[in-house]
Amino acid sequence: MAVRRYDNRLRDETARTTRRRVVAAARELFLADGYAGTTVRKIAASAGVSEQTVYARVGNKAAILKAVYDVMLAGDDEPVPMAERPEFLRMRDAPDARALLSAYAENATRMGSRMRPVLELVFGARAVEPDLDLLATTAAAERRIGTTMFARHFVGRGFARPGLDVDDVVDIVWVLNSPQVYLLQVSDNQLADDDFQRWLTITLESCLLPA
């Protein structure tokens, strides 16, 4: 029985290692050649595996891009929920509203900076690539779920300005922390990340906190 458990762990670790190689290879190709210029065959060759292995471990090209997106969002591929990661625990345990919004803006900026290359890829071509449009739509829905969790925590602690309920806070934060706003400020307006973080903090405070 112990040997069987060891064999299963070894297979699982081998599968995870292979998946990491595929996702890492795909990331480099997507960013270098674009979505249209990247094929599963190229990804397989770059990762040193067969196309069949790519499909088995990750999926088709759209699924591979989603995997790349998710890893860049989290910063790694460890099976740890976002809500249980240290940066989110700091927000949960923030002593007051301003500390919470400051931690939120810091984390949002860090994620935006980390994801900027893939955000530019997705939002730069979503109008002509159905797979990219689907990814953007899926990511927006996932982000709204996370924003709702934040809003419930924020309102539940009594931090919101009078008159704002959870839905109001969701709408405000979901827009201000959108990839489109980050790219507009950093890519188009050429704000440095520190300046974006400061802008986001101030804007969140002005929109959400009592006067």
N, C-alpha and C. Protein backbone atom coordinates (compact mmCIF):
# COMPACT_ATOMS: atom_id res chain seq x y z
N MET A 1 0.83 -1.21 0.00
CA MET A 1 0.00 0.00 0.00
C MET A 1 0.86 1.26 0.00
N ALA A 2 1.95 1.23 0.80
CA ALA A 2 2.84 2.39 0.86
C ALA A 2 3.49 2.64 -0.48
N VAL A 3 3.85 1.55 -1.19
CA VAL A 3 4.46 1.68 -2.50
C VAL A 3 3.48 2.31 -3.48
N ARG A 4 2.22 1.89 -3.39
CA ARG A 4 1.20 2.45 -4.30
C ARG A 4 1.01 3.94 -4.05
N ARG A 5 0.97 4.34 -2.76
CA ARG A 5 0.83 5.76 -2.45
C ARG A 5 2.02 6.55 -2.97
N TYR A 6 3.21 5.96 -2.84
CA TYR A 6 4.41 6.63 -3.35
C TYR A 6 4.32 6.79 -4.86
N ASP A 7 3.89 5.72 -5.54
CA ASP A 7 3.77 5.78 -7.00
C ASP A 7 2.76 6.85 -7.42
N ASN A 8 1.66 6.94 -6.69
CA ASN A 8 0.65 7.96 -7.01
C ASN A 8 1.20 9.36 -6.82
N ARG A 9 1.94 9.57 -5.72
CA ARG A 9 2.53 10.88 -5.47
C ARG A 9 3.54 11.23 -6.55
N LEU A 10 4.31 10.24 -6.97
CA LEU A 10 5.31 10.47 -8.01
C LEU A 10 4.63 10.84 -9.32
N ARG A 11 3.56 10.13 -9.66
CA ARG A 11 2.83 10.45 -10.89
C ARG A 11 2.23 11.85 -10.82
N ASP A 12 1.66 12.18 -9.66
CA ASP A 12 1.07 13.51 -9.50
C ASP A 12 2.12 14.60 -9.64
N GLU A 13 3.28 14.39 -9.04
CA GLU A 13 4.34 15.40 -9.12
C GLU A 13 4.87 15.52 -10.54
N THR A 14 4.99 14.40 -11.23
CA THR A 14 5.43 14.43 -12.62
C THR A 14 4.43 15.19 -13.48
N ALA A 15 3.14 14.95 -13.24
CA ALA A 15 2.10 15.65 -14.00
C ALA A 15 2.15 17.14 -13.73
N ARG A 16 2.35 17.54 -12.47
CA ARG A 16 2.44 18.97 -12.14
C ARG A 16 3.65 19.61 -12.79
N THR A 17 4.77 18.89 -12.77
CA THR A 17 5.99 19.42 -13.39
C THR A 17 5.80 19.61 -14.89
N THR A 18 5.17 18.63 -15.53
CA THR A 18 4.91 18.73 -16.96
C THR A 18 3.98 19.90 -17.26
N ARG A 19 2.95 20.05 -16.46
CA ARG A 19 2.01 21.16 -16.66
C ARG A 19 2.73 22.50 -16.52
N ARG A 20 3.61 22.61 -15.53
CA ARG A 20 4.36 23.86 -15.36
C ARG A 20 5.20 24.17 -16.59
N ARG A 21 5.84 23.15 -17.14
CA ARG A 21 6.67 23.35 -18.33
C ARG A 21 5.82 23.81 -19.50
N VAL A 22 4.66 23.20 -19.66
CA VAL A 22 3.78 23.58 -20.77
C VAL A 22 3.31 25.02 -20.60
N VAL A 23 2.88 25.38 -19.41
CA VAL A 23 2.37 26.73 -19.16
C VAL A 23 3.48 27.76 -19.32
N ALA A 24 4.67 27.44 -18.83
CA ALA A 24 5.80 28.38 -18.96
C ALA A 24 6.18 28.57 -20.43
N ALA A 25 6.21 27.47 -21.18
CA ALA A 25 6.53 27.57 -22.60
C ALA A 25 5.46 28.37 -23.34
N ALA A 26 4.21 28.12 -23.01
CA ALA A 26 3.11 28.84 -23.65
C ALA A 26 3.18 30.33 -23.36
N ARG A 27 3.50 30.67 -22.14
CA ARG A 27 3.59 32.09 -21.78
C ARG A 27 4.60 32.80 -22.66
N GLU A 28 5.78 32.21 -22.81
CA GLU A 28 6.82 32.83 -23.63
C GLU A 28 6.37 32.97 -25.07
N LEU A 29 5.71 31.95 -25.60
CA LEU A 29 5.28 31.99 -27.00
C LEU A 29 4.14 32.98 -27.21
N PHE A 30 3.16 32.97 -26.32
CA PHE A 30 2.05 33.91 -26.46
C PHE A 30 2.54 35.35 -26.45
N LEU A 31 3.47 35.65 -25.55
CA LEU A 31 3.94 37.03 -25.43
C LEU A 31 4.87 37.41 -26.58
N ALA A 32 5.57 36.44 -27.14
CA ALA A 32 6.49 36.73 -28.24
C ALA A 32 5.79 36.74 -29.60
N ASP A 33 4.89 35.77 -29.81
CA ASP A 33 4.30 35.57 -31.14
C ASP A 33 2.83 35.96 -31.21
N GLY A 34 2.22 36.32 -30.08
CA GLY A 34 0.80 36.63 -30.07
C GLY A 34 -0.04 35.36 -30.01
N TYR A 35 -1.33 35.56 -29.79
CA TYR A 35 -2.21 34.40 -29.68
C TYR A 35 -2.34 33.68 -31.02
N ALA A 36 -2.57 34.43 -32.09
CA ALA A 36 -2.76 33.82 -33.40
C ALA A 36 -1.50 33.11 -33.88
N GLY A 37 -0.34 33.64 -33.51
CA GLY A 37 0.91 33.05 -33.98
C GLY A 37 1.41 31.88 -33.17
N THR A 38 0.70 31.54 -32.12
CA THR A 38 1.09 30.43 -31.25
C THR A 38 0.18 29.24 -31.51
N THR A 39 0.78 28.07 -31.65
CA THR A 39 0.01 26.85 -31.85
C THR A 39 0.35 25.85 -30.76
N VAL A 40 -0.53 24.88 -30.59
CA VAL A 40 -0.26 23.82 -29.62
C VAL A 40 1.00 23.05 -30.01
N ARG A 41 1.22 22.90 -31.30
CA ARG A 41 2.43 22.22 -31.75
C ARG A 41 3.67 22.96 -31.30
N LYS A 42 3.68 24.28 -31.45
CA LYS A 42 4.82 25.08 -31.01
C LYS A 42 5.01 24.98 -29.50
N ILE A 43 3.91 25.03 -28.77
CA ILE A 43 3.99 24.93 -27.31
C ILE A 43 4.58 23.59 -26.90
N ALA A 44 4.10 22.53 -27.53
CA ALA A 44 4.61 21.19 -27.21
C ALA A 44 6.10 21.09 -27.49
N ALA A 45 6.52 21.60 -28.65
CA ALA A 45 7.93 21.53 -29.01
C ALA A 45 8.78 22.32 -28.02
N SER A 46 8.31 23.49 -27.64
CA SER A 46 9.07 24.32 -26.70
C SER A 46 9.15 23.68 -25.32
N ALA A 47 8.08 23.00 -24.92
CA ALA A 47 8.05 22.35 -23.61
C ALA A 47 8.73 20.99 -23.62
N GLY A 48 9.03 20.47 -24.80
CA GLY A 48 9.68 19.18 -24.91
C GLY A 48 8.76 18.01 -24.63
N VAL A 49 7.48 18.18 -25.00
CA VAL A 49 6.51 17.11 -24.80
C VAL A 49 5.71 16.94 -26.09
N SER A 50 4.86 15.93 -26.12
CA SER A 50 4.03 15.70 -27.29
C SER A 50 2.79 16.60 -27.24
N GLU A 51 2.17 16.79 -28.40
CA GLU A 51 0.92 17.55 -28.43
C GLU A 51 -0.15 16.86 -27.58
N GLN A 52 -0.16 15.53 -27.64
CA GLN A 52 -1.13 14.78 -26.84
C GLN A 52 -0.96 15.08 -25.35
N THR A 53 0.28 15.20 -24.92
CA THR A 53 0.54 15.52 -23.51
C THR A 53 0.03 16.91 -23.16
N VAL A 54 0.21 17.85 -24.06
CA VAL A 54 -0.29 19.21 -23.82
C VAL A 54 -1.80 19.19 -23.63
N TYR A 55 -2.50 18.50 -24.51
CA TYR A 55 -3.96 18.42 -24.39
C TYR A 55 -4.37 17.71 -23.10
N ALA A 56 -3.63 16.67 -22.73
CA ALA A 56 -3.98 15.89 -21.54
C ALA A 56 -3.72 16.66 -20.25
N ARG A 57 -2.62 17.40 -20.21
CA ARG A 57 -2.22 18.07 -18.97
C ARG A 57 -2.86 19.46 -18.80
N VAL A 58 -3.15 20.14 -19.93
CA VAL A 58 -3.69 21.50 -19.82
C VAL A 58 -4.97 21.65 -20.63
N GLY A 59 -4.95 21.29 -21.91
CA GLY A 59 -6.13 21.43 -22.74
C GLY A 59 -5.80 22.06 -24.07
N ASN A 60 -6.81 22.63 -24.73
CA ASN A 60 -6.58 23.26 -26.02
C ASN A 60 -5.93 24.63 -25.84
N LYS A 61 -5.74 25.35 -26.93
CA LYS A 61 -5.00 26.61 -26.85
C LYS A 61 -5.70 27.62 -25.94
N ALA A 62 -7.02 27.68 -26.00
CA ALA A 62 -7.74 28.61 -25.14
C ALA A 62 -7.56 28.26 -23.67
N ALA A 63 -7.60 26.97 -23.36
CA ALA A 63 -7.40 26.52 -21.98
C ALA A 63 -5.98 26.81 -21.51
N ILE A 64 -5.03 26.68 -22.42
CA ILE A 64 -3.64 26.96 -22.07
C ILE A 64 -3.47 28.44 -21.73
N LEU A 65 -4.07 29.31 -22.53
CA LEU A 65 -3.97 30.74 -22.24
C LEU A 65 -4.62 31.07 -20.90
N LYS A 66 -5.75 30.43 -20.59
CA LYS A 66 -6.39 30.65 -19.28
C LYS A 66 -5.46 30.20 -18.16
N ALA A 67 -4.76 29.09 -18.36
CA ALA A 67 -3.81 28.61 -17.35
C ALA A 67 -2.68 29.61 -17.17
N VAL A 68 -2.18 30.17 -18.27
CA VAL A 68 -1.14 31.20 -18.19
C VAL A 68 -1.67 32.40 -17.42
N TYR A 69 -2.88 32.82 -17.74
CA TYR A 69 -3.51 33.97 -17.08
C TYR A 69 -3.62 33.73 -15.58
N ASP A 70 -4.09 32.54 -15.21
CA ASP A 70 -4.30 32.23 -13.79
C ASP A 70 -2.99 32.20 -13.01
N VAL A 71 -1.95 31.64 -13.61
CA VAL A 71 -0.65 31.59 -12.94
C VAL A 71 -0.09 32.99 -12.75
N MET A 72 -0.23 33.83 -13.76
CA MET A 72 0.27 35.20 -13.64
C MET A 72 -0.56 36.00 -12.64
N LEU A 73 -1.84 35.70 -12.55
CA LEU A 73 -2.70 36.37 -11.58
C LEU A 73 -2.27 36.03 -10.15
N ALA A 74 -2.07 34.74 -9.90
CA ALA A 74 -1.72 34.30 -8.54
C ALA A 74 -0.25 34.51 -8.23
N GLY A 75 0.59 34.47 -9.27
CA GLY A 75 2.03 34.57 -9.06
C GLY A 75 2.71 33.23 -9.01
N ASP A 76 1.93 32.15 -8.95
CA ASP A 76 2.47 30.79 -8.95
C ASP A 76 1.31 29.85 -9.25
N ASP A 77 1.62 28.55 -9.27
CA ASP A 77 0.56 27.58 -9.55
C ASP A 77 0.26 26.70 -8.34
N GLU A 78 0.62 27.18 -7.16
CA GLU A 78 0.34 26.41 -5.96
C GLU A 78 -1.17 26.37 -5.70
N PRO A 79 -1.68 25.22 -5.21
CA PRO A 79 -3.13 25.08 -5.00
C PRO A 79 -3.61 25.76 -3.72
N VAL A 80 -3.35 27.07 -3.64
CA VAL A 80 -3.75 27.85 -2.47
C VAL A 80 -4.79 28.87 -2.92
N PRO A 81 -5.99 28.84 -2.37
CA PRO A 81 -7.01 29.82 -2.77
C PRO A 81 -6.51 31.25 -2.56
N MET A 82 -6.94 32.15 -3.44
CA MET A 82 -6.51 33.54 -3.33
C MET A 82 -6.82 34.12 -1.95
N ALA A 83 -7.98 33.78 -1.41
CA ALA A 83 -8.39 34.34 -0.12
C ALA A 83 -7.51 33.89 1.03
N GLU A 84 -6.72 32.83 0.82
CA GLU A 84 -5.86 32.32 1.89
C GLU A 84 -4.40 32.71 1.71
N ARG A 85 -4.12 33.52 0.71
CA ARG A 85 -2.74 33.96 0.49
C ARG A 85 -2.41 35.15 1.39
N PRO A 86 -1.12 35.31 1.73
CA PRO A 86 -0.73 36.34 2.72
C PRO A 86 -1.23 37.74 2.40
N GLU A 87 -1.17 38.13 1.12
CA GLU A 87 -1.58 39.50 0.78
C GLU A 87 -3.07 39.73 1.02
N PHE A 88 -3.87 38.65 0.87
CA PHE A 88 -5.30 38.79 1.13
C PHE A 88 -5.61 38.69 2.63
N LEU A 89 -4.81 37.92 3.34
CA LEU A 89 -4.98 37.87 4.79
C LEU A 89 -4.65 39.21 5.43
N ARG A 90 -3.69 39.94 4.84
CA ARG A 90 -3.37 41.28 5.36
C ARG A 90 -4.56 42.21 5.19
N MET A 91 -5.26 42.07 4.08
CA MET A 91 -6.46 42.89 3.90
C MET A 91 -7.53 42.50 4.91
N ARG A 92 -7.72 41.22 5.10
CA ARG A 92 -8.72 40.75 6.05
C ARG A 92 -8.46 41.29 7.46
N ASP A 93 -7.17 41.34 7.82
CA ASP A 93 -6.81 41.70 9.19
C ASP A 93 -6.45 43.18 9.34
N ALA A 94 -6.69 43.98 8.31
CA ALA A 94 -6.36 45.41 8.39
C ALA A 94 -7.09 46.06 9.57
N PRO A 95 -6.40 46.93 10.32
CA PRO A 95 -7.01 47.49 11.54
C PRO A 95 -8.09 48.54 11.29
N ASP A 96 -8.07 49.18 10.12
CA ASP A 96 -9.07 50.21 9.85
C ASP A 96 -9.30 50.32 8.35
N ALA A 97 -10.23 51.18 7.97
CA ALA A 97 -10.65 51.28 6.57
C ALA A 97 -9.52 51.75 5.66
N ARG A 98 -8.78 52.75 6.09
CA ARG A 98 -7.70 53.26 5.24
C ARG A 98 -6.59 52.23 5.06
N ALA A 99 -6.30 51.49 6.11
CA ALA A 99 -5.30 50.43 5.99
C ALA A 99 -5.77 49.34 5.03
N LEU A 100 -7.05 49.04 5.09
CA LEU A 100 -7.61 48.02 4.19
C LEU A 100 -7.54 48.48 2.74
N LEU A 101 -7.94 49.71 2.47
CA LEU A 101 -7.90 50.21 1.09
C LEU A 101 -6.47 50.35 0.60
N SER A 102 -5.56 50.73 1.47
CA SER A 102 -4.16 50.82 1.09
C SER A 102 -3.61 49.45 0.72
N ALA A 103 -3.93 48.44 1.52
CA ALA A 103 -3.48 47.08 1.23
C ALA A 103 -4.11 46.56 -0.05
N TYR A 104 -5.38 46.91 -0.28
CA TYR A 104 -6.06 46.49 -1.50
C TYR A 104 -5.39 47.10 -2.72
N ALA A 105 -5.12 48.40 -2.66
CA ALA A 105 -4.49 49.08 -3.80
C ALA A 105 -3.08 48.54 -4.05
N GLU A 106 -2.36 48.25 -2.98
CA GLU A 106 -1.01 47.69 -3.14
C GLU A 106 -1.07 46.33 -3.83
N ASN A 107 -1.99 45.48 -3.40
CA ASN A 107 -2.10 44.16 -3.99
C ASN A 107 -2.59 44.24 -5.44
N ALA A 108 -3.56 45.12 -5.70
CA ALA A 108 -4.07 45.28 -7.06
C ALA A 108 -2.98 45.76 -8.00
N THR A 109 -2.15 46.68 -7.53
CA THR A 109 -1.06 47.19 -8.36
C THR A 109 -0.03 46.12 -8.62
N ARG A 110 0.29 45.34 -7.60
CA ARG A 110 1.27 44.27 -7.77
C ARG A 110 0.78 43.26 -8.80
N MET A 111 -0.50 42.89 -8.71
CA MET A 111 -1.05 41.94 -9.68
C MET A 111 -1.09 42.54 -11.07
N GLY A 112 -1.48 43.80 -11.18
CA GLY A 112 -1.52 44.44 -12.48
C GLY A 112 -0.16 44.49 -13.13
N SER A 113 0.86 44.82 -12.35
CA SER A 113 2.21 44.88 -12.88
C SER A 113 2.69 43.51 -13.34
N ARG A 114 2.39 42.50 -12.54
CA ARG A 114 2.78 41.14 -12.89
C ARG A 114 2.07 40.65 -14.14
N MET A 115 0.83 41.05 -14.30
CA MET A 115 0.01 40.55 -15.40
C MET A 115 0.03 41.44 -16.64
N ARG A 116 0.67 42.56 -16.57
CA ARG A 116 0.59 43.54 -17.65
C ARG A 116 0.84 42.95 -19.04
N PRO A 117 1.87 42.12 -19.23
CA PRO A 117 2.08 41.59 -20.59
C PRO A 117 0.90 40.79 -21.12
N VAL A 118 0.32 39.94 -20.28
CA VAL A 118 -0.80 39.13 -20.76
C VAL A 118 -2.08 39.97 -20.86
N LEU A 119 -2.21 40.99 -20.02
CA LEU A 119 -3.36 41.89 -20.15
C LEU A 119 -3.32 42.63 -21.47
N GLU A 120 -2.14 43.11 -21.84
CA GLU A 120 -2.00 43.81 -23.12
C GLU A 120 -2.29 42.87 -24.28
N LEU A 121 -1.89 41.60 -24.15
CA LEU A 121 -2.19 40.62 -25.18
C LEU A 121 -3.69 40.40 -25.31
N VAL A 122 -4.35 40.16 -24.19
CA VAL A 122 -5.78 39.83 -24.21
C VAL A 122 -6.61 41.02 -24.67
N PHE A 123 -6.41 42.18 -24.06
CA PHE A 123 -7.27 43.32 -24.36
C PHE A 123 -6.88 44.02 -25.66
N GLY A 124 -5.68 43.73 -26.13
CA GLY A 124 -5.27 44.31 -27.40
C GLY A 124 -5.86 43.61 -28.60
N ALA A 125 -6.29 42.35 -28.43
CA ALA A 125 -6.78 41.59 -29.58
C ALA A 125 -8.12 40.91 -29.33
N ARG A 126 -8.78 41.21 -28.23
CA ARG A 126 -10.03 40.50 -27.94
C ARG A 126 -11.11 40.79 -28.98
N ALA A 127 -11.04 41.94 -29.64
CA ALA A 127 -12.06 42.29 -30.63
C ALA A 127 -12.00 41.40 -31.86
N VAL A 128 -10.84 40.79 -32.12
CA VAL A 128 -10.68 39.97 -33.33
C VAL A 128 -10.40 38.51 -33.01
N GLU A 129 -10.25 38.18 -31.73
CA GLU A 129 -9.97 36.80 -31.32
C GLU A 129 -11.06 36.35 -30.35
N PRO A 130 -11.99 35.52 -30.80
CA PRO A 130 -13.07 35.06 -29.91
C PRO A 130 -12.56 34.41 -28.62
N ASP A 131 -11.46 33.66 -28.70
CA ASP A 131 -10.92 33.02 -27.50
C ASP A 131 -10.48 34.06 -26.48
N LEU A 132 -9.88 35.14 -26.95
CA LEU A 132 -9.43 36.19 -26.05
C LEU A 132 -10.62 36.93 -25.45
N ASP A 133 -11.65 37.14 -26.25
CA ASP A 133 -12.85 37.80 -25.74
C ASP A 133 -13.51 36.94 -24.67
N LEU A 134 -13.54 35.63 -24.90
CA LEU A 134 -14.12 34.72 -23.91
C LEU A 134 -13.31 34.74 -22.62
N LEU A 135 -11.98 34.74 -22.75
CA LEU A 135 -11.13 34.80 -21.56
C LEU A 135 -11.37 36.09 -20.78
N ALA A 136 -11.45 37.21 -21.49
CA ALA A 136 -11.68 38.49 -20.82
C ALA A 136 -13.02 38.49 -20.10
N THR A 137 -14.04 37.91 -20.73
CA THR A 137 -15.36 37.84 -20.11
C THR A 137 -15.35 36.94 -18.88
N THR A 138 -14.69 35.78 -19.00
CA THR A 138 -14.59 34.85 -17.88
C THR A 138 -13.83 35.48 -16.72
N ALA A 139 -12.71 36.12 -17.04
CA ALA A 139 -11.89 36.74 -16.00
C ALA A 139 -12.66 37.86 -15.30
N ALA A 140 -13.45 38.60 -16.05
CA ALA A 140 -14.25 39.68 -15.45
C ALA A 140 -15.27 39.12 -14.47
N ALA A 141 -15.90 38.01 -14.84
CA ALA A 141 -16.88 37.38 -13.94
C ALA A 141 -16.20 36.86 -12.68
N GLU A 142 -15.03 36.26 -12.84
CA GLU A 142 -14.28 35.77 -11.67
C GLU A 142 -13.85 36.93 -10.78
N ARG A 143 -13.44 38.01 -11.40
CA ARG A 143 -13.00 39.18 -10.63
C ARG A 143 -14.17 39.78 -9.87
N ARG A 144 -15.35 39.73 -10.46
CA ARG A 144 -16.52 40.27 -9.77
C ARG A 144 -16.85 39.44 -8.52
N ILE A 145 -16.64 38.14 -8.60
CA ILE A 145 -16.85 37.30 -7.42
C ILE A 145 -15.89 37.71 -6.31
N GLY A 146 -14.61 37.89 -6.66
CA GLY A 146 -13.64 38.33 -5.66
C GLY A 146 -13.96 39.71 -5.12
N THR A 147 -14.40 40.60 -5.99
CA THR A 147 -14.76 41.95 -5.56
C THR A 147 -15.95 41.93 -4.61
N THR A 148 -16.88 41.03 -4.86
CA THR A 148 -18.04 40.90 -3.98
C THR A 148 -17.61 40.45 -2.58
N MET A 149 -16.67 39.51 -2.52
CA MET A 149 -16.16 39.08 -1.22
C MET A 149 -15.52 40.26 -0.48
N PHE A 150 -14.73 41.05 -1.21
CA PHE A 150 -14.10 42.23 -0.60
C PHE A 150 -15.17 43.20 -0.11
N ALA A 151 -16.17 43.47 -0.94
CA ALA A 151 -17.20 44.45 -0.59
C ALA A 151 -17.98 44.01 0.64
N ARG A 152 -18.29 42.74 0.73
CA ARG A 152 -19.02 42.25 1.91
C ARG A 152 -18.19 42.44 3.17
N HIS A 153 -16.90 42.17 3.06
CA HIS A 153 -16.01 42.37 4.21
C HIS A 153 -15.94 43.85 4.57
N PHE A 154 -15.79 44.70 3.57
CA PHE A 154 -15.65 46.14 3.78
C PHE A 154 -16.91 46.72 4.43
N VAL A 155 -18.05 46.39 3.87
CA VAL A 155 -19.32 46.89 4.41
C VAL A 155 -19.61 46.26 5.77
N GLY A 156 -19.30 44.97 5.89
CA GLY A 156 -19.56 44.27 7.14
C GLY A 156 -18.79 44.83 8.32
N ARG A 157 -17.65 45.43 8.06
CA ARG A 157 -16.87 46.04 9.14
C ARG A 157 -17.28 47.49 9.41
N GLY A 158 -18.29 47.94 8.69
CA GLY A 158 -18.81 49.28 8.94
C GLY A 158 -17.96 50.39 8.35
N PHE A 159 -17.19 50.08 7.29
CA PHE A 159 -16.27 51.06 6.73
C PHE A 159 -16.89 51.94 5.65
N ALA A 160 -17.96 51.47 5.03
CA ALA A 160 -18.49 52.17 3.86
C ALA A 160 -19.19 53.47 4.24
N ARG A 161 -19.10 54.43 3.33
CA ARG A 161 -19.79 55.70 3.51
C ARG A 161 -21.30 55.45 3.63
N PRO A 162 -21.99 56.19 4.50
CA PRO A 162 -23.44 56.02 4.61
C PRO A 162 -24.13 56.15 3.25
N GLY A 163 -25.03 55.23 2.99
CA GLY A 163 -25.74 55.23 1.72
C GLY A 163 -25.20 54.22 0.73
N LEU A 164 -24.01 53.68 0.99
CA LEU A 164 -23.43 52.68 0.10
C LEU A 164 -23.70 51.28 0.66
N ASP A 165 -24.27 50.42 -0.17
CA ASP A 165 -24.43 49.03 0.24
C ASP A 165 -23.41 48.16 -0.48
N VAL A 166 -23.49 46.86 -0.30
CA VAL A 166 -22.51 45.94 -0.89
C VAL A 166 -22.49 46.07 -2.41
N ASP A 167 -23.65 46.13 -3.03
CA ASP A 167 -23.69 46.24 -4.49
C ASP A 167 -23.02 47.52 -4.98
N ASP A 168 -23.22 48.60 -4.27
CA ASP A 168 -22.57 49.87 -4.65
C ASP A 168 -21.06 49.74 -4.58
N VAL A 169 -20.57 49.15 -3.50
CA VAL A 169 -19.12 48.99 -3.33
C VAL A 169 -18.56 48.07 -4.41
N VAL A 170 -19.28 47.00 -4.72
CA VAL A 170 -18.84 46.10 -5.79
C VAL A 170 -18.69 46.87 -7.10
N ASP A 171 -19.70 47.64 -7.47
CA ASP A 171 -19.66 48.37 -8.74
C ASP A 171 -18.49 49.34 -8.80
N ILE A 172 -18.24 50.04 -7.70
CA ILE A 172 -17.15 51.02 -7.68
C ILE A 172 -15.80 50.34 -7.78
N VAL A 173 -15.58 49.34 -6.94
CA VAL A 173 -14.27 48.69 -6.89
C VAL A 173 -14.02 47.88 -8.16
N TRP A 174 -15.06 47.23 -8.67
CA TRP A 174 -14.90 46.40 -9.87
C TRP A 174 -14.43 47.23 -11.06
N VAL A 175 -14.92 48.46 -11.16
CA VAL A 175 -14.49 49.34 -12.25
C VAL A 175 -13.09 49.89 -11.99
N LEU A 176 -12.85 50.42 -10.80
CA LEU A 176 -11.55 51.05 -10.51
C LEU A 176 -10.40 50.05 -10.59
N ASN A 177 -10.67 48.80 -10.23
CA ASN A 177 -9.62 47.78 -10.25
C ASN A 177 -9.69 46.92 -11.50
N SER A 178 -10.28 47.42 -12.55
CA SER A 178 -10.38 46.64 -13.79
C SER A 178 -9.06 46.66 -14.55
N PRO A 179 -8.78 45.62 -15.33
CA PRO A 179 -7.58 45.62 -16.18
C PRO A 179 -7.58 46.80 -17.15
N GLN A 180 -8.76 47.16 -17.63
CA GLN A 180 -8.83 48.28 -18.57
C GLN A 180 -8.35 49.58 -17.94
N VAL A 181 -8.75 49.83 -16.70
CA VAL A 181 -8.31 51.05 -16.02
C VAL A 181 -6.82 51.00 -15.74
N TYR A 182 -6.33 49.84 -15.31
CA TYR A 182 -4.89 49.72 -15.07
C TYR A 182 -4.10 50.02 -16.35
N LEU A 183 -4.50 49.41 -17.46
CA LEU A 183 -3.79 49.62 -18.72
C LEU A 183 -3.92 51.07 -19.18
N LEU A 184 -5.08 51.66 -19.00
CA LEU A 184 -5.28 53.05 -19.39
C LEU A 184 -4.32 53.96 -18.63
N GLN A 185 -4.18 53.74 -17.35
CA GLN A 185 -3.34 54.60 -16.53
C GLN A 185 -1.85 54.31 -16.71
N VAL A 186 -1.49 53.04 -16.82
CA VAL A 186 -0.07 52.67 -16.86
C VAL A 186 0.48 52.66 -18.29
N SER A 187 -0.26 52.07 -19.22
CA SER A 187 0.22 51.99 -20.60
C SER A 187 -0.04 53.29 -21.36
N ASP A 188 -1.26 53.80 -21.29
CA ASP A 188 -1.61 54.99 -22.06
C ASP A 188 -1.21 56.28 -21.35
N ASN A 189 -1.52 56.38 -20.07
CA ASN A 189 -1.20 57.59 -19.31
C ASN A 189 0.23 57.57 -18.77
N GLN A 190 0.86 56.41 -18.89
CA GLN A 190 2.28 56.23 -18.53
C GLN A 190 2.56 56.54 -17.05
N LEU A 191 1.63 56.17 -16.19
CA LEU A 191 1.91 56.26 -14.76
C LEU A 191 2.84 55.13 -14.35
N ALA A 192 3.77 55.43 -13.46
CA ALA A 192 4.56 54.37 -12.84
C ALA A 192 3.66 53.61 -11.88
N ASP A 193 4.05 52.37 -11.56
CA ASP A 193 3.21 51.58 -10.67
C ASP A 193 2.99 52.26 -9.32
N ASP A 194 4.02 52.89 -8.78
CA ASP A 194 3.86 53.59 -7.50
C ASP A 194 2.81 54.70 -7.61
N ASP A 195 2.82 55.40 -8.74
CA ASP A 195 1.85 56.47 -8.94
C ASP A 195 0.44 55.90 -9.13
N PHE A 196 0.35 54.77 -9.83
CA PHE A 196 -0.96 54.13 -9.99
C PHE A 196 -1.49 53.69 -8.63
N GLN A 197 -0.64 53.08 -7.82
CA GLN A 197 -1.08 52.63 -6.50
C GLN A 197 -1.58 53.80 -5.67
N ARG A 198 -0.87 54.91 -5.72
CA ARG A 198 -1.30 56.11 -4.97
C ARG A 198 -2.63 56.61 -5.50
N TRP A 199 -2.77 56.67 -6.83
CA TRP A 199 -4.02 57.13 -7.44
C TRP A 199 -5.18 56.21 -7.04
N LEU A 200 -4.95 54.90 -7.09
CA LEU A 200 -6.02 53.96 -6.76
C LEU A 200 -6.42 54.09 -5.29
N THR A 201 -5.43 54.23 -4.42
CA THR A 201 -5.73 54.38 -3.00
C THR A 201 -6.58 55.62 -2.75
N ILE A 202 -6.15 56.75 -3.30
CA ILE A 202 -6.87 58.01 -3.10
C ILE A 202 -8.29 57.93 -3.67
N THR A 203 -8.41 57.33 -4.85
CA THR A 203 -9.72 57.26 -5.50
C THR A 203 -10.66 56.33 -4.75
N LEU A 204 -10.16 55.20 -4.28
CA LEU A 204 -10.99 54.31 -3.47
C LEU A 204 -11.46 55.01 -2.19
N GLU A 205 -10.54 55.73 -1.55
CA GLU A 205 -10.91 56.44 -0.32
C GLU A 205 -11.99 57.48 -0.59
N SER A 206 -11.83 58.23 -1.67
CA SER A 206 -12.79 59.30 -1.95
C SER A 206 -14.16 58.74 -2.34
N CYS A 207 -14.17 57.57 -2.94
CA CYS A 207 -15.44 56.98 -3.38
C CYS A 207 -16.15 56.19 -2.28
N LEU A 208 -15.38 55.62 -1.35
CA LEU A 208 -15.97 54.66 -0.42
C LEU A 208 -16.08 55.13 1.02
N LEU A 209 -15.21 56.04 1.43
CA LEU A 209 -15.17 56.42 2.84
C LEU A 209 -16.04 57.64 3.14
N PRO A 210 -16.49 57.77 4.37
CA PRO A 210 -17.24 58.97 4.75
C PRO A 210 -16.41 60.23 4.53
N ALA A 211 -17.06 61.30 4.18
CA ALA A 211 -16.36 62.57 3.93
C ALA A 211 -15.74 63.10 5.22
